[in-house]
């Protein structure tokens, strides 16, 4: 890996989007292809789900493996080169927040579905099938 300055790293990190990511776009097109009606990036629902199916109270999140701590929060597999304590704390906080959002939405009667970016990229049809199951149950 090349040595980058703090300014370069800061610039790169500032360019990471929270909405309209490539996995969200891919997921959105699959939902439309299967004629599943949804709303995207809903601020009124707690936790701001990426997609919401209001009629069935289903909240759908598309989680990135890096930011949401794939594999039960083990961030050791990520080779942080600088500021390791910050990034581990940040990702651990995201995991805790995700659990709290799940719990809050479920207690309010919502069904919460979370899909990892690699599942969306590799097996989108399985993700859509899970959503269809939730809609029909």
C-alpha atoms as a PDB file:
ATOM      1  CA  UNK A   1       0.000   0.000   0.000  1.00  0.00           C
ATOM      2  CA  UNK A   2       1.234   3.465  -0.763  1.00  0.00           C
ATOM      3  CA  UNK A   3       1.897   5.919   2.007  1.00  0.00           C
ATOM      4  CA  UNK A   4      -0.766   8.575   1.995  1.00  0.00           C
ATOM      5  CA  UNK A   5      -0.863  11.768   3.980  1.00  0.00           C
ATOM      6  CA  UNK A   6      -3.552  12.467   6.553  1.00  0.00           C
ATOM      7  CA  UNK A   7      -5.010  15.020   4.161  1.00  0.00           C
ATOM      8  CA  UNK A   8      -5.300  12.415   1.362  1.00  0.00           C
ATOM      9  CA  UNK A   9      -6.879   9.861   3.700  1.00  0.00           C
ATOM     10  CA  UNK A  10      -9.318  12.458   5.001  1.00  0.00           C
ATOM     11  CA  UNK A  11     -10.271  13.449   1.452  1.00  0.00           C
ATOM     12  CA  UNK A  12     -10.847   9.800   0.449  1.00  0.00           C
ATOM     13  CA  UNK A  13     -12.986   9.085   3.513  1.00  0.00           C
ATOM     14  CA  UNK A  14     -15.070  12.226   2.952  1.00  0.00           C
ATOM     15  CA  UNK A  15     -16.061  10.874  -0.463  1.00  0.00           C
ATOM     16  CA  UNK A  16     -17.706   7.734   0.916  1.00  0.00           C
ATOM     17  CA  UNK A  17     -21.466   7.990   0.486  1.00  0.00           C
ATOM     18  CA  UNK A  18     -24.136   6.883   2.921  1.00  0.00           C
ATOM     19  CA  UNK A  19     -26.929   6.899   0.343  1.00  0.00           C
ATOM     20  CA  UNK A  20     -27.038   5.881  -3.293  1.00  0.00           C
ATOM     21  CA  UNK A  21     -24.202   3.391  -3.003  1.00  0.00           C
ATOM     22  CA  UNK A  22     -23.567   0.824  -5.708  1.00  0.00           C
ATOM     23  CA  UNK A  23     -25.086  -1.977  -3.615  1.00  0.00           C
ATOM     24  CA  UNK A  24     -28.221   0.124  -3.024  1.00  0.00           C
ATOM     25  CA  UNK A  25     -28.540   0.839  -6.749  1.00  0.00           C
ATOM     26  CA  UNK A  26     -28.137  -2.851  -7.569  1.00  0.00           C
ATOM     27  CA  UNK A  27     -30.701  -3.794  -4.918  1.00  0.00           C
ATOM     28  CA  UNK A  28     -33.131  -1.094  -6.070  1.00  0.00           C
ATOM     29  CA  UNK A  29     -33.044  -2.331  -9.650  1.00  0.00           C
ATOM     30  CA  UNK A  30     -33.691  -5.914  -8.480  1.00  0.00           C
ATOM     31  CA  UNK A  31     -36.675  -4.775  -6.406  1.00  0.00           C
ATOM     32  CA  UNK A  32     -38.093  -2.924  -9.403  1.00  0.00           C
ATOM     33  CA  UNK A  33     -37.455  -5.901 -11.679  1.00  0.00           C
ATOM     34  CA  UNK A  34     -39.539  -8.079  -9.338  1.00  0.00           C
ATOM     35  CA  UNK A  35     -42.226  -5.368  -9.095  1.00  0.00           C
ATOM     36  CA  UNK A  36     -41.840  -4.929  -5.336  1.00  0.00           C
ATOM     37  CA  UNK A  37     -43.130  -1.519  -4.263  1.00  0.00           C
ATOM     38  CA  UNK A  38     -40.882   0.319  -1.824  1.00  0.00           C
ATOM     39  CA  UNK A  39     -39.693   3.676  -0.587  1.00  0.00           C
ATOM     40  CA  UNK A  40     -35.984   4.436  -0.471  1.00  0.00           C
ATOM     41  CA  UNK A  41     -33.923   6.072   2.297  1.00  0.00           C
ATOM     42  CA  UNK A  42     -36.854   6.808   4.579  1.00  0.00           C
ATOM     43  CA  UNK A  43     -35.995   9.331   7.285  1.00  0.00           C
ATOM     44  CA  UNK A  44     -39.318   8.993   9.125  1.00  0.00           C
ATOM     45  CA  UNK A  45     -38.672   5.366  10.084  1.00  0.00           C
ATOM     46  CA  UNK A  46     -36.266   4.871  12.991  1.00  0.00           C
ATOM     47  CA  UNK A  47     -32.770   3.946  11.824  1.00  0.00           C
ATOM     48  CA  UNK A  48     -33.326   5.382   8.321  1.00  0.00           C
ATOM     49  CA  UNK A  49     -33.678   2.072   6.432  1.00  0.00           C
ATOM     50  CA  UNK A  50     -32.372   1.909   2.889  1.00  0.00           C
ATOM     51  CA  UNK A  51     -35.743   0.553   1.695  1.00  0.00           C
ATOM     52  CA  UNK A  52     -39.158   0.372   3.333  1.00  0.00           C
ATOM     53  CA  UNK A  53     -42.279  -1.541   2.389  1.00  0.00           C
ATOM     54  CA  UNK A  54     -44.889   0.401   4.349  1.00  0.00           C
ATOM     55  CA  UNK A  55     -47.907  -1.850   3.778  1.00  0.00           C
ATOM     56  CA  UNK A  56     -46.158  -4.826   5.387  1.00  0.00           C
ATOM     57  CA  UNK A  57     -43.969  -2.812   7.802  1.00  0.00           C
ATOM     58  CA  UNK A  58     -40.715  -4.204   6.436  1.00  0.00           C
ATOM     59  CA  UNK A  59     -37.457  -2.277   6.866  1.00  0.00           C
ATOM     60  CA  UNK A  60     -34.566  -3.340   4.626  1.00  0.00           C
ATOM     61  CA  UNK A  61     -30.929  -2.424   5.218  1.00  0.00           C
ATOM     62  CA  UNK A  62     -28.046  -2.980   2.781  1.00  0.00           C
ATOM     63  CA  UNK A  63     -24.938  -3.213   4.956  1.00  0.00           C
ATOM     64  CA  UNK A  64     -21.335  -2.897   3.864  1.00  0.00           C
ATOM     65  CA  UNK A  65     -19.008  -5.521   5.288  1.00  0.00           C
ATOM     66  CA  UNK A  66     -16.440  -2.929   6.297  1.00  0.00           C
ATOM     67  CA  UNK A  67     -18.667  -0.341   7.972  1.00  0.00           C
ATOM     68  CA  UNK A  68     -20.990  -2.781   9.718  1.00  0.00           C
ATOM     69  CA  UNK A  69     -18.452  -5.337  10.920  1.00  0.00           C
ATOM     70  CA  UNK A  70     -19.026  -8.486   8.898  1.00  0.00           C
ATOM     71  CA  UNK A  71     -18.620 -11.769  10.844  1.00  0.00           C
ATOM     72  CA  UNK A  72     -20.001 -10.780  14.241  1.00  0.00           C
ATOM     73  CA  UNK A  73     -18.007  -7.633  14.599  1.00  0.00           C
ATOM     74  CA  UNK A  74     -14.521  -8.976  14.134  1.00  0.00           C
ATOM     75  CA  UNK A  75     -12.604  -6.096  12.682  1.00  0.00           C
ATOM     76  CA  UNK A  76      -9.242  -7.848  12.993  1.00  0.00           C
ATOM     77  CA  UNK A  77      -9.459  -9.002   9.406  1.00  0.00           C
ATOM     78  CA  UNK A  78      -9.288  -5.360   8.295  1.00  0.00           C
ATOM     79  CA  UNK A  79      -5.701  -4.275   8.175  1.00  0.00           C
ATOM     80  CA  UNK A  80      -5.898  -0.726   9.489  1.00  0.00           C
ATOM     81  CA  UNK A  81      -2.689   1.142   8.783  1.00  0.00           C
ATOM     82  CA  UNK A  82      -3.393   4.231  10.802  1.00  0.00           C
ATOM     83  CA  UNK A  83      -5.613   5.238  13.685  1.00  0.00           C
ATOM     84  CA  UNK A  84      -6.570   1.621  14.468  1.00  0.00           C
ATOM     85  CA  UNK A  85      -8.230   2.387  17.798  1.00  0.00           C
ATOM     86  CA  UNK A  86     -10.529   4.957  16.173  1.00  0.00           C
ATOM     87  CA  UNK A  87     -11.660   2.622  13.381  1.00  0.00           C
ATOM     88  CA  UNK A  88     -12.230  -0.340  15.686  1.00  0.00           C
ATOM     89  CA  UNK A  89     -14.268   1.865  18.018  1.00  0.00           C
ATOM     90  CA  UNK A  90     -16.201   3.336  15.065  1.00  0.00           C
ATOM     91  CA  UNK A  91     -17.136  -0.056  13.607  1.00  0.00           C
ATOM     92  CA  UNK A  92     -17.989  -1.509  17.017  1.00  0.00           C
ATOM     93  CA  UNK A  93     -20.288   1.494  17.555  1.00  0.00           C
ATOM     94  CA  UNK A  94     -21.977   0.809  14.208  1.00  0.00           C
ATOM     95  CA  UNK A  95     -22.590  -2.809  15.232  1.00  0.00           C
ATOM     96  CA  UNK A  96     -24.123  -1.730  18.541  1.00  0.00           C
ATOM     97  CA  UNK A  97     -26.288   0.876  16.780  1.00  0.00           C
ATOM     98  CA  UNK A  98     -27.482  -1.725  14.232  1.00  0.00           C
ATOM     99  CA  UNK A  99     -28.569  -4.043  17.056  1.00  0.00           C
ATOM    100  CA  UNK A 100     -30.406  -1.198  18.792  1.00  0.00           C
ATOM    101  CA  UNK A 101     -32.160  -0.198  15.549  1.00  0.00           C
ATOM    102  CA  UNK A 102     -33.213  -3.830  14.964  1.00  0.00           C
ATOM    103  CA  UNK A 103     -34.568  -4.133  18.489  1.00  0.00           C
ATOM    104  CA  UNK A 104     -36.425  -0.809  18.380  1.00  0.00           C
ATOM    105  CA  UNK A 105     -38.048  -1.497  15.018  1.00  0.00           C
ATOM    106  CA  UNK A 106     -39.058  -5.042  15.981  1.00  0.00           C
ATOM    107  CA  UNK A 107     -40.613  -3.826  19.220  1.00  0.00           C
ATOM    108  CA  UNK A 108     -42.622  -1.341  17.133  1.00  0.00           C
ATOM    109  CA  UNK A 109     -43.969  -4.180  14.964  1.00  0.00           C
ATOM    110  CA  UNK A 110     -41.580  -3.901  12.020  1.00  0.00           C
ATOM    111  CA  UNK A 111     -39.825  -6.772  10.342  1.00  0.00           C
ATOM    112  CA  UNK A 112     -36.148  -5.977   9.822  1.00  0.00           C
ATOM    113  CA  UNK A 113     -34.151  -7.504   6.974  1.00  0.00           C
ATOM    114  CA  UNK A 114     -30.422  -6.890   6.678  1.00  0.00           C
ATOM    115  CA  UNK A 115     -28.376  -7.950   3.669  1.00  0.00           C
ATOM    116  CA  UNK A 116     -24.584  -7.857   3.371  1.00  0.00           C
ATOM    117  CA  UNK A 117     -23.022  -6.256   0.328  1.00  0.00           C
ATOM    118  CA  UNK A 118     -21.475  -9.557  -0.744  1.00  0.00           C
ATOM    119  CA  UNK A 119     -24.887 -11.271  -0.607  1.00  0.00           C
ATOM    120  CA  UNK A 120     -26.379  -8.533  -2.755  1.00  0.00           C
ATOM    121  CA  UNK A 121     -23.548  -8.772  -5.270  1.00  0.00           C
ATOM    122  CA  UNK A 122     -23.337 -12.583  -5.404  1.00  0.00           C
ATOM    123  CA  UNK A 123     -26.884 -13.838  -4.781  1.00  0.00           C
ATOM    124  CA  UNK A 124     -29.401 -11.052  -5.247  1.00  0.00           C
ATOM    125  CA  UNK A 125     -32.182 -13.519  -6.080  1.00  0.00           C
ATOM    126  CA  UNK A 126     -31.927 -15.126  -2.633  1.00  0.00           C
ATOM    127  CA  UNK A 127     -32.245 -11.689  -1.035  1.00  0.00           C
ATOM    128  CA  UNK A 128     -35.326 -10.918  -3.125  1.00  0.00           C
ATOM    129  CA  UNK A 129     -36.811 -14.323  -2.224  1.00  0.00           C
ATOM    130  CA  UNK A 130     -36.444 -13.491   1.487  1.00  0.00           C
ATOM    131  CA  UNK A 131     -38.279 -10.238   0.926  1.00  0.00           C
ATOM    132  CA  UNK A 132     -41.053 -11.998  -0.987  1.00  0.00           C
ATOM    133  CA  UNK A 133     -41.388 -14.503   1.886  1.00  0.00           C
ATOM    134  CA  UNK A 134     -41.739 -11.641   4.338  1.00  0.00           C
ATOM    135  CA  UNK A 135     -44.333  -9.927   2.177  1.00  0.00           C
ATOM    136  CA  UNK A 136     -46.454 -13.062   1.843  1.00  0.00           C
ATOM    137  CA  UNK A 137     -46.233 -14.152   5.479  1.00  0.00           C
END
